[in-house]
PDB file of N, CA and C in Angstrom:
ATOM      1  N   MET A   1     -61.208 -99.233  91.864  1.00  0.00           N
ATOM      2  CA  MET A   1     -60.022 -98.998  91.025  1.00  0.00           C
ATOM      3  C   MET A   1     -60.535 -98.462  89.824  1.00  0.00           C
ATOM      4  N   ALA A   2     -59.930 -97.328  89.235  1.00  0.00           N
ATOM      5  CA  ALA A   2     -60.109 -96.652  88.074  1.00  0.00           C
ATOM      6  C   ALA A   2     -59.663 -97.569  86.938  1.00  0.00           C
ATOM      7  N   SER A   3     -60.252 -97.405  85.819  1.00  0.00           N
ATOM      8  CA  SER A   3     -59.793 -98.223  84.600  1.00  0.00           C
ATOM      9  C   SER A   3     -60.220 -97.514  83.444  1.00  0.00           C
ATOM     10  N   ASN A   4     -59.591 -97.399  82.212  1.00  0.00           N
ATOM     11  CA  ASN A   4     -60.050 -96.809  81.003  1.00  0.00           C
ATOM     12  C   ASN A   4     -60.654 -97.783  80.193  1.00  0.00           C
ATOM     13  N   LEU A   5     -60.872 -98.939  80.332  1.00  0.00           N
ATOM     14  CA  LEU A   5     -61.975 -99.586  79.991  1.00  0.00           C
ATOM     15  C   LEU A   5     -63.466 -99.496  80.218  1.00  0.00           C
ATOM     16  N   PRO A   6     -64.326 -99.762  78.767  1.00  0.00           N
ATOM     17  CA  PRO A   6     -65.735 -99.387  78.943  1.00  0.00           C
ATOM     18  C   PRO A   6     -66.302 -99.878  80.247  1.00  0.00           C
ATOM     19  N   PRO A   7     -67.359 -99.484  80.835  1.00  0.00           N
ATOM     20  CA  PRO A   7     -68.344-100.495  81.847  1.00  0.00           C
ATOM     21  C   PRO A   7     -68.503-101.500  81.207  1.00  0.00           C
ATOM     22  N   GLN A   8     -68.845-102.750  81.808  1.00  0.00           N
ATOM     23  CA  GLN A   8     -69.115-104.215  81.682  1.00  0.00           C
ATOM     24  C   GLN A   8     -70.764-104.511  81.432  1.00  0.00           C
ATOM     25  N   SER A   9     -71.399-103.729  82.476  1.00  0.00           N
ATOM     26  CA  SER A   9     -73.111-103.976  82.874  1.00  0.00           C
ATOM     27  C   SER A   9     -73.831-102.640  82.882  1.00  0.00           C
ATOM     28  N   PRO A  10     -75.053-102.633  82.882  1.00  0.00           N
ATOM     29  CA  PRO A  10     -75.802-101.600  82.713  1.00  0.00           C
ATOM     30  C   PRO A  10     -75.800-100.744  84.107  1.00  0.00           C
ATOM     31  N   ASP A  11     -75.337-101.606  85.246  1.00  0.00           N
ATOM     32  CA  ASP A  11     -75.308-100.830  86.494  1.00  0.00           C
ATOM     33  C   ASP A  11     -73.976-100.147  86.550  1.00  0.00           C
ATOM     34  N   ASP A  12     -72.741-100.918  86.008  1.00  0.00           N
ATOM     35  CA  ASP A  12     -71.750-100.157  85.496  1.00  0.00           C
ATOM     36  C   ASP A  12     -71.770 -98.796  85.094  1.00  0.00           C
ATOM     37  N   VAL A  13     -72.431 -98.985  84.231  1.00  0.00           N
ATOM     38  CA  VAL A  13     -72.813 -97.759  83.036  1.00  0.00           C
ATOM     39  C   VAL A  13     -73.398 -96.693  83.776  1.00  0.00           C
ATOM     40  N   LYS A  14     -74.324 -96.728  84.471  1.00  0.00           N
ATOM     41  CA  LYS A  14     -74.918 -95.844  85.077  1.00  0.00           C
ATOM     42  C   LYS A  14     -74.340 -95.403  86.416  1.00  0.00           C
ATOM     43  N   SER A  15     -73.763 -96.319  87.191  1.00  0.00           N
ATOM     44  CA  SER A  15     -72.562 -95.753  88.104  1.00  0.00           C
ATOM     45  C   SER A  15     -71.697 -94.886  87.737  1.00  0.00           C
ATOM     46  N   PHE A  16     -70.770 -95.316  86.276  1.00  0.00           N
ATOM     47  CA  PHE A  16     -69.739 -94.599  85.677  1.00  0.00           C
ATOM     48  C   PHE A  16     -70.576 -93.242  85.362  1.00  0.00           C
ATOM     49  N   PHE A  17     -71.624 -92.834  84.832  1.00  0.00           N
ATOM     50  CA  PHE A  17     -72.290 -91.514  84.214  1.00  0.00           C
ATOM     51  C   PHE A  17     -72.834 -90.663  85.667  1.00  0.00           C
ATOM     52  N   ASP A  18     -73.042 -91.358  86.949  1.00  0.00           N
ATOM     53  CA  ASP A  18     -73.464 -90.533  87.631  1.00  0.00           C
ATOM     54  C   ASP A  18     -72.579 -90.188  88.471  1.00  0.00           C
ATOM     55  N   ASN A  19     -71.463 -90.714  88.611  1.00  0.00           N
ATOM     56  CA  ASN A  19     -69.915 -90.536  89.104  1.00  0.00           C
ATOM     57  C   ASN A  19     -69.047 -89.053  88.244  1.00  0.00           C
ATOM     58  N   LEU A  20     -69.665 -89.264  86.932  1.00  0.00           N
ATOM     59  CA  LEU A  20     -68.485 -88.507  86.084  1.00  0.00           C
ATOM     60  C   LEU A  20     -68.556 -86.906  86.495  1.00  0.00           C
ATOM     61  N   ILE A  21     -69.621 -86.587  86.998  1.00  0.00           N
ATOM     62  CA  ILE A  21     -69.590 -84.857  87.206  1.00  0.00           C
ATOM     63  C   ILE A  21     -70.215 -84.912  88.536  1.00  0.00           C
ATOM     64  N   LYS A  22     -69.229 -84.696  89.474  1.00  0.00           N
ATOM     65  CA  LYS A  22     -69.761 -84.489  90.837  1.00  0.00           C
ATOM     66  C   LYS A  22     -69.619 -83.279  91.370  1.00  0.00           C
ATOM     67  N   ASP A  23     -68.878 -82.327  91.041  1.00  0.00           N
ATOM     68  CA  ASP A  23     -69.404 -81.073  91.372  1.00  0.00           C
ATOM     69  C   ASP A  23     -69.907 -80.146  90.299  1.00  0.00           C
ATOM     70  N   GLN A  24     -70.686 -79.413  90.683  1.00  0.00           N
ATOM     71  CA  GLN A  24     -71.416 -78.471  89.370  1.00  0.00           C
ATOM     72  C   GLN A  24     -70.529 -76.989  89.747  1.00  0.00           C
ATOM     73  N   VAL A  25     -70.436 -76.383  88.703  1.00  0.00           N
ATOM     74  CA  VAL A  25     -70.217 -74.978  88.804  1.00  0.00           C
ATOM     75  C   VAL A  25     -70.711 -74.014  88.285  1.00  0.00           C
ATOM     76  N   THR A  26     -71.016 -73.008  88.876  1.00  0.00           N
ATOM     77  CA  THR A  26     -72.438 -72.130  88.414  1.00  0.00           C
ATOM     78  C   THR A  26     -71.138 -70.503  88.100  1.00  0.00           C
ATOM     79  N   PHE A  27     -71.931 -70.266  87.396  1.00  0.00           N
ATOM     80  CA  PHE A  27     -71.395 -68.688  87.067  1.00  0.00           C
ATOM     81  C   PHE A  27     -72.659 -67.560  86.790  1.00  0.00           C
ATOM     82  N   PRO A  28     -72.218 -66.527  86.995  1.00  0.00           N
ATOM     83  CA  PRO A  28     -73.536 -65.677  86.866  1.00  0.00           C
ATOM     84  C   PRO A  28     -73.616 -65.357  85.063  1.00  0.00           C
ATOM     85  N   ALA A  29     -75.146 -65.657  84.630  1.00  0.00           N
ATOM     86  CA  ALA A  29     -75.054 -65.808  83.261  1.00  0.00           C
ATOM     87  C   ALA A  29     -74.587 -64.181  82.551  1.00  0.00           C
ATOM     88  N   ALA A  30     -74.620 -62.924  83.360  1.00  0.00           N
ATOM     89  CA  ALA A  30     -73.702 -61.837  82.510  1.00  0.00           C
ATOM     90  C   ALA A  30     -72.377 -62.572  82.109  1.00  0.00           C
ATOM     91  N   GLU A  31     -71.624 -63.238  83.014  1.00  0.00           N
ATOM     92  CA  GLU A  31     -70.142 -63.286  83.018  1.00  0.00           C
ATOM     93  C   GLU A  31     -70.286 -64.515  81.641  1.00  0.00           C
ATOM     94  N   ILE A  32     -71.392 -65.222  81.668  1.00  0.00           N
ATOM     95  CA  ILE A  32     -71.321 -66.366  80.452  1.00  0.00           C
ATOM     96  C   ILE A  32     -71.263 -65.637  79.563  1.00  0.00           C
ATOM     97  N   ASP A  33     -72.245 -64.725  79.375  1.00  0.00           N
ATOM     98  CA  ASP A  33     -72.939 -64.337  78.064  1.00  0.00           C
ATOM     99  C   ASP A  33     -71.997 -63.406  77.603  1.00  0.00           C
ATOM    100  N   ALA A  34     -71.087 -62.640  78.507  1.00  0.00           N
ATOM    101  CA  ALA A  34     -69.938 -61.753  77.791  1.00  0.00           C
ATOM    102  C   ALA A  34     -68.813 -62.259  77.335  1.00  0.00           C
ATOM    103  N   THR A  35     -68.320 -63.385  77.944  1.00  0.00           N
ATOM    104  CA  THR A  35     -67.274 -63.972  77.693  1.00  0.00           C
ATOM    105  C   THR A  35     -67.634 -64.882  76.677  1.00  0.00           C
ATOM    106  N   VAL A  36     -68.498 -65.643  76.311  1.00  0.00           N
ATOM    107  CA  VAL A  36     -68.918 -65.883  75.091  1.00  0.00           C
ATOM    108  C   VAL A  36     -69.190 -65.191  73.948  1.00  0.00           C
ATOM    109  N   GLY A  37     -69.621 -64.090  74.249  1.00  0.00           N
ATOM    110  CA  GLY A  37     -69.691 -63.163  73.126  1.00  0.00           C
ATOM    111  C   GLY A  37     -68.450 -62.495  72.613  1.00  0.00           C
ATOM    112  N   PHE A  38     -67.306 -62.299  73.672  1.00  0.00           N
ATOM    113  CA  PHE A  38     -66.449 -61.848  73.077  1.00  0.00           C
ATOM    114  C   PHE A  38     -65.750 -63.192  72.045  1.00  0.00           C
ATOM    115  N   PHE A  39     -65.684 -63.940  72.422  1.00  0.00           N
ATOM    116  CA  PHE A  39     -65.354 -65.115  71.456  1.00  0.00           C
ATOM    117  C   PHE A  39     -65.802 -65.141  70.170  1.00  0.00           C
ATOM    118  N   LEU A  40     -67.262 -65.217  70.486  1.00  0.00           N
ATOM    119  CA  LEU A  40     -68.087 -65.436  69.386  1.00  0.00           C
ATOM    120  C   LEU A  40     -67.469 -64.065  68.145  1.00  0.00           C
ATOM    121  N   LYS A  41     -67.346 -62.928  68.542  1.00  0.00           N
ATOM    122  CA  LYS A  41     -67.018 -61.699  67.889  1.00  0.00           C
ATOM    123  C   LYS A  41     -65.455 -61.902  67.392  1.00  0.00           C
ATOM    124  N   ARG A  42     -64.905 -62.595  68.043  1.00  0.00           N
ATOM    125  CA  ARG A  42     -63.258 -63.149  67.601  1.00  0.00           C
ATOM    126  C   ARG A  42     -63.250 -64.062  66.593  1.00  0.00           C
ATOM    127  N   GLY A  43     -64.443 -64.637  66.135  1.00  0.00           N
ATOM    128  CA  GLY A  43     -64.486 -65.583  65.320  1.00  0.00           C
ATOM    129  C   GLY A  43     -64.592 -67.084  65.608  1.00  0.00           C
ATOM    130  N   PHE A  44     -64.576 -66.947  66.796  1.00  0.00           N
ATOM    131  CA  PHE A  44     -65.149 -68.635  67.361  1.00  0.00           C
ATOM    132  C   PHE A  44     -66.486 -69.225  66.584  1.00  0.00           C
ATOM    133  N   ASP A  45     -66.642 -70.266  66.820  1.00  0.00           N
ATOM    134  CA  ASP A  45     -67.706 -70.976  66.288  1.00  0.00           C
ATOM    135  C   ASP A  45     -68.536 -71.025  67.930  1.00  0.00           C
ATOM    136  N   GLN A  46     -69.731 -71.258  67.714  1.00  0.00           N
ATOM    137  CA  GLN A  46     -70.761 -71.180  69.123  1.00  0.00           C
ATOM    138  C   GLN A  46     -69.977 -72.343  70.289  1.00  0.00           C
ATOM    139  N   THR A  47     -69.607 -73.565  69.872  1.00  0.00           N
ATOM    140  CA  THR A  47     -69.210 -74.518  70.505  1.00  0.00           C
ATOM    141  C   THR A  47     -67.712 -74.411  70.928  1.00  0.00           C
ATOM    142  N   SER A  48     -66.983 -73.833  70.476  1.00  0.00           N
ATOM    143  CA  SER A  48     -65.413 -73.761  71.017  1.00  0.00           C
ATOM    144  C   SER A  48     -65.575 -72.375  71.825  1.00  0.00           C
ATOM    145  N   ALA A  49     -66.625 -71.073  71.251  1.00  0.00           N
ATOM    146  CA  ALA A  49     -66.870 -70.067  72.357  1.00  0.00           C
ATOM    147  C   ALA A  49     -67.251 -70.457  73.964  1.00  0.00           C
ATOM    148  N   ASN A  50     -68.256 -71.374  73.719  1.00  0.00           N
ATOM    149  CA  ASN A  50     -68.665 -71.978  74.932  1.00  0.00           C
ATOM    150  C   ASN A  50     -67.612 -72.958  75.551  1.00  0.00           C
ATOM    151  N   SER A  51     -67.228 -73.402  75.062  1.00  0.00           N
ATOM    152  CA  SER A  51     -65.829 -74.121  75.882  1.00  0.00           C
ATOM    153  C   SER A  51     -64.706 -73.188  76.486  1.00  0.00           C
ATOM    154  N   VAL A  52     -63.956 -72.763  75.514  1.00  0.00           N
ATOM    155  CA  VAL A  52     -63.070 -71.647  75.915  1.00  0.00           C
ATOM    156  C   VAL A  52     -63.498 -70.785  77.070  1.00  0.00           C
ATOM    157  N   ALA A  53     -64.927 -70.307  76.726  1.00  0.00           N
ATOM    158  CA  ALA A  53     -65.583 -69.069  78.142  1.00  0.00           C
ATOM    159  C   ALA A  53     -65.572 -70.158  79.389  1.00  0.00           C
ATOM    160  N   ILE A  54     -65.958 -71.492  79.330  1.00  0.00           N
ATOM    161  CA  ILE A  54     -66.137 -72.015  80.707  1.00  0.00           C
ATOM    162  C   ILE A  54     -64.904 -72.411  81.056  1.00  0.00           C
ATOM    163  N   VAL A  55     -63.633 -72.680  80.574  1.00  0.00           N
ATOM    164  CA  VAL A  55     -62.439 -72.989  80.708  1.00  0.00           C
ATOM    165  C   VAL A  55     -61.901 -71.466  81.430  1.00  0.00           C
ATOM    166  N   LEU A  56     -62.128 -70.448  80.416  1.00  0.00           N
ATOM    167  CA  LEU A  56     -61.304 -69.076  81.243  1.00  0.00           C
ATOM    168  C   LEU A  56     -62.333 -68.361  82.363  1.00  0.00           C
ATOM    169  N   LEU A  57     -63.758 -68.888  82.720  1.00  0.00           N
ATOM    170  CA  LEU A  57     -64.375 -68.530  83.644  1.00  0.00           C
ATOM    171  C   LEU A  57     -63.896 -69.526  85.175  1.00  0.00           C
ATOM    172  N   SER A  58     -63.581 -70.298  84.849  1.00  0.00           N
ATOM    173  CA  SER A  58     -63.113 -71.290  85.727  1.00  0.00           C
ATOM    174  C   SER A  58     -61.776 -71.016  86.465  1.00  0.00           C
ATOM    175  N   GLN A  59     -60.959 -70.799  85.306  1.00  0.00           N
ATOM    176  CA  GLN A  59     -59.586 -70.328  85.881  1.00  0.00           C
ATOM    177  C   GLN A  59     -59.626 -69.031  86.310  1.00  0.00           C
ATOM    178  N   ALA A  60     -60.555 -67.975  85.817  1.00  0.00           N
ATOM    179  CA  ALA A  60     -60.674 -66.654  86.641  1.00  0.00           C
ATOM    180  C   ALA A  60     -60.941 -66.794  88.233  1.00  0.00           C
ATOM    181  N   ARG A  61     -62.062 -67.878  88.250  1.00  0.00           N
ATOM    182  CA  ARG A  61     -62.364 -68.099  89.544  1.00  0.00           C
ATOM    183  C   ARG A  61     -61.208 -68.561  90.507  1.00  0.00           C
ATOM    184  N   ASN A  62     -60.509 -69.623  89.767  1.00  0.00           N
ATOM    185  CA  ASN A  62     -59.452 -70.274  90.654  1.00  0.00           C
ATOM    186  C   ASN A  62     -58.332 -69.352  90.803  1.00  0.00           C
ATOM    187  N   ASP A  63     -57.944 -68.106  89.712  1.00  0.00           N
ATOM    188  CA  ASP A  63     -57.146 -67.075  90.415  1.00  0.00           C
ATOM    189  C   ASP A  63     -57.747 -65.911  91.091  1.00  0.00           C
ATOM    190  N   ALA A  64     -58.888 -66.003  91.263  1.00  0.00           N
ATOM    191  CA  ALA A  64     -59.658 -65.141  92.114  1.00  0.00           C
ATOM    192  C   ALA A  64     -59.327 -63.783  91.422  1.00  0.00           C
ATOM    193  N   VAL A  65     -60.003 -63.578  90.166  1.00  0.00           N
ATOM    194  CA  VAL A  65     -59.568 -62.438  89.188  1.00  0.00           C
ATOM    195  C   VAL A  65     -60.851 -62.540  88.890  1.00  0.00           C
ATOM    196  N   PRO A  66     -61.534 -60.812  88.378  1.00  0.00           N
ATOM    197  CA  PRO A  66     -62.815 -60.726  87.792  1.00  0.00           C
ATOM    198  C   PRO A  66     -62.475 -60.839  85.842  1.00  0.00           C
ATOM    199  N   VAL A  67     -63.473 -61.753  85.922  1.00  0.00           N
ATOM    200  CA  VAL A  67     -63.429 -62.027  84.335  1.00  0.00           C
ATOM    201  C   VAL A  67     -63.524 -61.142  83.618  1.00  0.00           C
ATOM    202  N   PHE A  68     -64.486 -59.748  83.522  1.00  0.00           N
ATOM    203  CA  PHE A  68     -64.402 -59.039  83.069  1.00  0.00           C
ATOM    204  C   PHE A  68     -63.142 -58.310  82.877  1.00  0.00           C
ATOM    205  N   SER A  69     -62.440 -58.111  83.793  1.00  0.00           N
ATOM    206  CA  SER A  69     -61.124 -57.503  83.490  1.00  0.00           C
ATOM    207  C   SER A  69     -60.123 -58.390  82.412  1.00  0.00           C
ATOM    208  N   LEU A  70     -60.378 -60.130  82.642  1.00  0.00           N
ATOM    209  CA  LEU A  70     -59.377 -60.642  81.614  1.00  0.00           C
ATOM    210  C   LEU A  70     -59.891 -60.146  80.180  1.00  0.00           C
ATOM    211  N   VAL A  71     -61.408 -60.340  80.036  1.00  0.00           N
ATOM    212  CA  VAL A  71     -61.747 -59.694  78.641  1.00  0.00           C
ATOM    213  C   VAL A  71     -61.122 -58.846  78.302  1.00  0.00           C
ATOM    214  N   ASP A  72     -61.328 -57.663  78.867  1.00  0.00           N
ATOM    215  CA  ASP A  72     -60.856 -56.195  78.828  1.00  0.00           C
ATOM    216  C   ASP A  72     -59.501 -56.482  78.272  1.00  0.00           C
ATOM    217  N   LYS A  73     -58.737 -57.062  79.104  1.00  0.00           N
ATOM    218  CA  LYS A  73     -57.367 -57.089  78.369  1.00  0.00           C
ATOM    219  C   LYS A  73     -57.068 -58.351  77.535  1.00  0.00           C
ATOM    220  N   LEU A  74     -57.870 -59.403  77.185  1.00  0.00           N
ATOM    221  CA  LEU A  74     -57.641 -59.951  75.865  1.00  0.00           C
ATOM    222  C   LEU A  74     -58.526 -59.115  74.868  1.00  0.00           C
ATOM    223  N   LYS A  75     -59.101 -57.953  74.881  1.00  0.00           N
ATOM    224  CA  LYS A  75     -59.470 -57.275  73.648  1.00  0.00           C
ATOM    225  C   LYS A  75     -58.303 -56.296  72.960  1.00  0.00           C
ATOM    226  N   GLY A  76     -57.340 -56.583  73.744  1.00  0.00           N
ATOM    227  CA  GLY A  76     -56.073 -55.511  73.094  1.00  0.00           C
ATOM    228  C   GLY A  76     -55.245 -56.479  72.238  1.00  0.00           C
ATOM    229  N   LEU A  77     -55.596 -58.008  72.131  1.00  0.00           N
ATOM    230  CA  LEU A  77     -54.409 -58.656  71.579  1.00  0.00           C
ATOM    231  C   LEU A  77     -54.865 -59.094  70.295  1.00  0.00           C
ATOM    232  N   THR A  78     -53.866 -59.395  69.230  1.00  0.00           N
ATOM    233  CA  THR A  78     -54.230 -59.746  68.148  1.00  0.00           C
ATOM    234  C   THR A  78     -54.677 -61.070  67.724  1.00  0.00           C
ATOM    235  N   ASP A  79     -55.156 -61.798  66.645  1.00  0.00           N
ATOM    236  CA  ASP A  79     -55.535 -62.875  66.888  1.00  0.00           C
ATOM    237  C   ASP A  79     -54.436 -64.003  66.724  1.00  0.00           C
ATOM    238  N   LEU A  80     -53.219 -63.657  66.543  1.00  0.00           N
ATOM    239  CA  LEU A  80     -52.094 -64.644  66.960  1.00  0.00           C
ATOM    240  C   LEU A  80     -52.076 -64.552  68.301  1.00  0.00           C
ATOM    241  N   GLN A  81     -51.852 -63.587  69.379  1.00  0.00           N
ATOM    242  CA  GLN A  81     -51.490 -63.304  70.667  1.00  0.00           C
ATOM    243  C   GLN A  81     -52.614 -63.970  71.189  1.00  0.00           C
ATOM    244  N   LEU A  82     -54.134 -63.855  71.010  1.00  0.00           N
ATOM    245  CA  LEU A  82     -55.152 -64.412  71.480  1.00  0.00           C
ATOM    246  C   LEU A  82     -55.025 -65.778  71.418  1.00  0.00           C
ATOM    247  N   THR A  83     -54.722 -66.346  70.348  1.00  0.00           N
ATOM    248  CA  THR A  83     -54.423 -67.892  69.960  1.00  0.00           C
ATOM    249  C   THR A  83     -53.554 -68.419  71.018  1.00  0.00           C
ATOM    250  N   GLN A  84     -52.628 -67.958  71.480  1.00  0.00           N
ATOM    251  CA  GLN A  84     -51.219 -67.912  72.140  1.00  0.00           C
ATOM    252  C   GLN A  84     -52.039 -68.419  73.537  1.00  0.00           C
ATOM    253  N   VAL A  85     -52.480 -67.218  74.014  1.00  0.00           N
ATOM    254  CA  VAL A  85     -53.045 -66.949  75.301  1.00  0.00           C
ATOM    255  C   VAL A  85     -54.144 -68.056  75.844  1.00  0.00           C
ATOM    256  N   ILE A  86     -55.169 -68.253  74.668  1.00  0.00           N
ATOM    257  CA  ILE A  86     -55.992 -69.315  74.672  1.00  0.00           C
ATOM    258  C   ILE A  86     -55.576 -70.684  74.917  1.00  0.00           C
ATOM    259  N   ALA A  87     -54.135 -71.051  74.093  1.00  0.00           N
ATOM    260  CA  ALA A  87     -53.517 -72.132  74.123  1.00  0.00           C
ATOM    261  C   ALA A  87     -53.181 -72.521  75.304  1.00  0.00           C
ATOM    262  N   GLN A  88     -52.496 -71.357  76.061  1.00  0.00           N
ATOM    263  CA  GLN A  88     -51.807 -71.613  77.371  1.00  0.00           C
ATOM    264  C   GLN A  88     -52.995 -71.804  78.429  1.00  0.00           C
ATOM    265  N   VAL A  89     -54.281 -71.177  78.559  1.00  0.00           N
ATOM    266  CA  VAL A  89     -55.111 -71.218  79.327  1.00  0.00           C
ATOM    267  C   VAL A  89     -55.763 -72.710  79.328  1.00  0.00           C
ATOM    268  N   LEU A  90     -55.711 -73.055  78.344  1.00  0.00           N
ATOM    269  CA  LEU A  90     -56.402 -74.506  78.335  1.00  0.00           C
ATOM    270  C   LEU A  90     -55.456 -75.582  78.508  1.00  0.00           C
ATOM    271  N   ASN A  91     -54.261 -75.336  78.273  1.00  0.00           N
ATOM    272  CA  ASN A  91     -52.949 -76.174  79.059  1.00  0.00           C
ATOM    273  C   ASN A  91     -53.043 -76.490  80.054  1.00  0.00           C
ATOM    274  N   ALA A  92     -53.645 -75.142  80.698  1.00  0.00           N
ATOM    275  CA  ALA A  92     -53.629 -75.011  82.688  1.00  0.00           C
ATOM    276  C   ALA A  92     -54.618 -75.721  82.748  1.00  0.00           C
ATOM    277  N   ASP A  93     -55.719 -75.961  82.148  1.00  0.00           N
ATOM    278  CA  ASP A  93     -56.700 -76.944  82.426  1.00  0.00           C
ATOM    279  C   ASP A  93     -56.760 -78.546  82.108  1.00  0.00           C
ATOM    280  N   ARG A  94     -55.581 -78.818  81.025  1.00  0.00           N
ATOM    281  CA  ARG A  94     -55.855 -80.125  80.809  1.00  0.00           C
ATOM    282  C   ARG A  94     -54.550 -81.065  81.442  1.00  0.00           C
ATOM    283  N   ALA A  95     -54.541 -82.045  81.424  1.00  0.00           N
ATOM    284  CA  ALA A  95     -53.758 -83.267  81.872  1.00  0.00           C
ATOM    285  C   ALA A  95     -52.229 -82.956  81.221  1.00  0.00           C
ATOM    286  N   GLY A  96     -51.201 -83.374  81.824  1.00  0.00           N
ATOM    287  CA  GLY A  96     -50.025 -83.147  81.199  1.00  0.00           C
ATOM    288  C   GLY A  96     -49.946 -84.111  79.736  1.00  0.00           C
ATOM    289  N   THR A  97     -50.651 -84.948  79.898  1.00  0.00           N
ATOM    290  CA  THR A  97     -50.274 -86.198  78.882  1.00  0.00           C
ATOM    291  C   THR A  97     -51.028 -85.242  77.468  1.00  0.00           C
ATOM    292  N   SER A  98     -51.826 -84.221  77.611  1.00  0.00           N
ATOM    293  CA  SER A  98     -52.550 -83.915  76.499  1.00  0.00           C
ATOM    294  C   SER A  98     -52.749 -82.263  76.276  1.00  0.00           C
ATOM    295  N   LEU A  99     -51.589 -81.888  75.769  1.00  0.00           N
ATOM    296  CA  LEU A  99     -50.962 -80.579  75.979  1.00  0.00           C
ATOM    297  C   LEU A  99     -51.481 -79.979  74.525  1.00  0.00           C
ATOM    298  N   LEU A 100     -51.784 -78.748  73.829  1.00  0.00           N
ATOM    299  CA  LEU A 100     -52.292 -78.384  72.931  1.00  0.00           C
ATOM    300  C   LEU A 100     -51.063 -77.320  72.620  1.00  0.00           C
ATOM    301  N   GLY A 101     -50.852 -77.027  71.178  1.00  0.00           N
ATOM    302  CA  GLY A 101     -49.424 -76.617  71.011  1.00  0.00           C
ATOM    303  C   GLY A 101     -49.912 -76.115  69.650  1.00  0.00           C
ATOM    304  N   TYR A 102     -49.277 -74.741  69.015  1.00  0.00           N
ATOM    305  CA  TYR A 102     -49.229 -74.575  67.778  1.00  0.00           C
ATOM    306  C   TYR A 102     -48.055 -74.291  67.244  1.00  0.00           C
ATOM    307  N   ARG A 103     -47.341 -74.475  65.752  1.00  0.00           N
ATOM    308  CA  ARG A 103     -46.311 -74.958  64.899  1.00  0.00           C
ATOM    309  C   ARG A 103     -46.109 -72.965  64.805  1.00  0.00           C
ATOM    310  N   VAL A 104     -44.695 -72.773  64.983  1.00  0.00           N
ATOM    311  CA  VAL A 104     -43.941 -71.566  64.115  1.00  0.00           C
ATOM    312  C   VAL A 104     -43.165 -71.916  63.303  1.00  0.00           C
ATOM    313  N   GLU A 105     -43.413 -71.666  62.218  1.00  0.00           N
ATOM    314  CA  GLU A 105     -42.337 -72.170  61.058  1.00  0.00           C
ATOM    315  C   GLU A 105     -41.222 -71.041  61.247  1.00  0.00           C
ATOM    316  N   THR A 106     -39.959 -71.756  61.050  1.00  0.00           N
ATOM    317  CA  THR A 106     -38.831 -71.214  61.302  1.00  0.00           C
ATOM    318  C   THR A 106     -38.047 -71.318  59.815  1.00  0.00           C
ATOM    319  N   VAL A 107     -37.385 -70.057  59.797  1.00  0.00           N
ATOM    320  CA  VAL A 107     -36.965 -69.478  58.455  1.00  0.00           C
ATOM    321  C   VAL A 107     -35.303 -69.650  58.620  1.00  0.00           C
ATOM    322  N   VAL A 108     -35.362 -70.698  57.809  1.00  0.00           N
ATOM    323  CA  VAL A 108     -33.945 -70.987  57.604  1.00  0.00           C
ATOM    324  C   VAL A 108     -33.429 -70.059  56.191  1.00  0.00           C
ATOM    325  N   ASN A 109     -31.931 -69.469  56.758  1.00  0.00           N
ATOM    326  CA  ASN A 109     -31.227 -68.739  55.729  1.00  0.00           C
ATOM    327  C   ASN A 109     -30.370 -69.697  55.032  1.00  0.00           C
ATOM    328  N   THR A 110     -30.318 -70.247  53.747  1.00  0.00           N
ATOM    329  CA  THR A 110     -29.738 -71.144  53.383  1.00  0.00           C
ATOM    330  C   THR A 110     -28.257 -70.504  52.335  1.00  0.00           C
ATOM    331  N   TYR A 111     -28.377 -69.243  52.472  1.00  0.00           N
ATOM    332  CA  TYR A 111     -27.378 -68.400  51.657  1.00  0.00           C
ATOM    333  C   TYR A 111     -26.430 -67.945  52.640  1.00  0.00           C
ATOM    334  N   GLU A 112     -25.130 -68.436  52.423  1.00  0.00           N
ATOM    335  CA  GLU A 112     -23.761 -67.777  53.267  1.00  0.00           C
ATOM    336  C   GLU A 112     -23.834 -66.142  52.898  1.00  0.00           C
ATOM    337  N   ALA A 113     -23.309 -66.054  54.436  1.00  0.00           N
ATOM    338  CA  ALA A 113     -23.294 -64.426  54.629  1.00  0.00           C
ATOM    339  C   ALA A 113     -21.696 -64.108  54.104  1.00  0.00           C
ATOM    340  N   ARG A 114     -21.458 -63.244  53.519  1.00  0.00           N
ATOM    341  CA  ARG A 114     -19.997 -63.226  53.091  1.00  0.00           C
ATOM    342  C   ARG A 114     -19.576 -61.897  52.994  1.00  0.00           C
ATOM    343  N   ASN A 115     -18.383 -61.667  53.623  1.00  0.00           N
ATOM    344  CA  ASN A 115     -17.896 -60.161  53.491  1.00  0.00           C
ATOM    345  C   ASN A 115     -17.086 -59.805  52.430  1.00  0.00           C
ATOM    346  N   ILE A 116     -17.570 -59.037  51.655  1.00  0.00           N
ATOM    347  CA  ILE A 116     -16.992 -58.794  50.188  1.00  0.00           C
ATOM    348  C   ILE A 116     -16.171 -57.513  50.336  1.00  0.00           C
ATOM    349  N   LEU A 117     -14.766 -57.332  50.496  1.00  0.00           N
ATOM    350  CA  LEU A 117     -14.205 -56.150  50.391  1.00  0.00           C
ATOM    351  C   LEU A 117     -14.113 -55.511  48.761  1.00  0.00           C
ATOM    352  N   VAL A 118     -14.099 -54.363  48.529  1.00  0.00           N
ATOM    353  CA  VAL A 118     -13.725 -54.120  47.043  1.00  0.00           C
ATOM    354  C   VAL A 118     -12.560 -52.885  47.399  1.00  0.00           C
TER     355      VAL A 118
END
């Protein structure tokens, strides 16, 4: 039975980490380098670029879409649009209880609009 409590014995710890990563996923080096390089050029730090690239590569494989075509489409986005797309891609890879979001400031017009007839 799965538990969120830490393992109690050294054997439990070893068993936990042995079963943590069951399936290894491999990607061609050219795809990884191109995807990580794209995010590095857009201002991501190395760790973020690696993480987002792996999620994007996995999602591209799941959707049967060439990753190079995704990167080409992402090149035309502004920084804000890229942030929104990356948040959606990361959310697709996360559990529903842990979603990423972004805050959009709402502009409230406190002045009354009046029709003034002269």
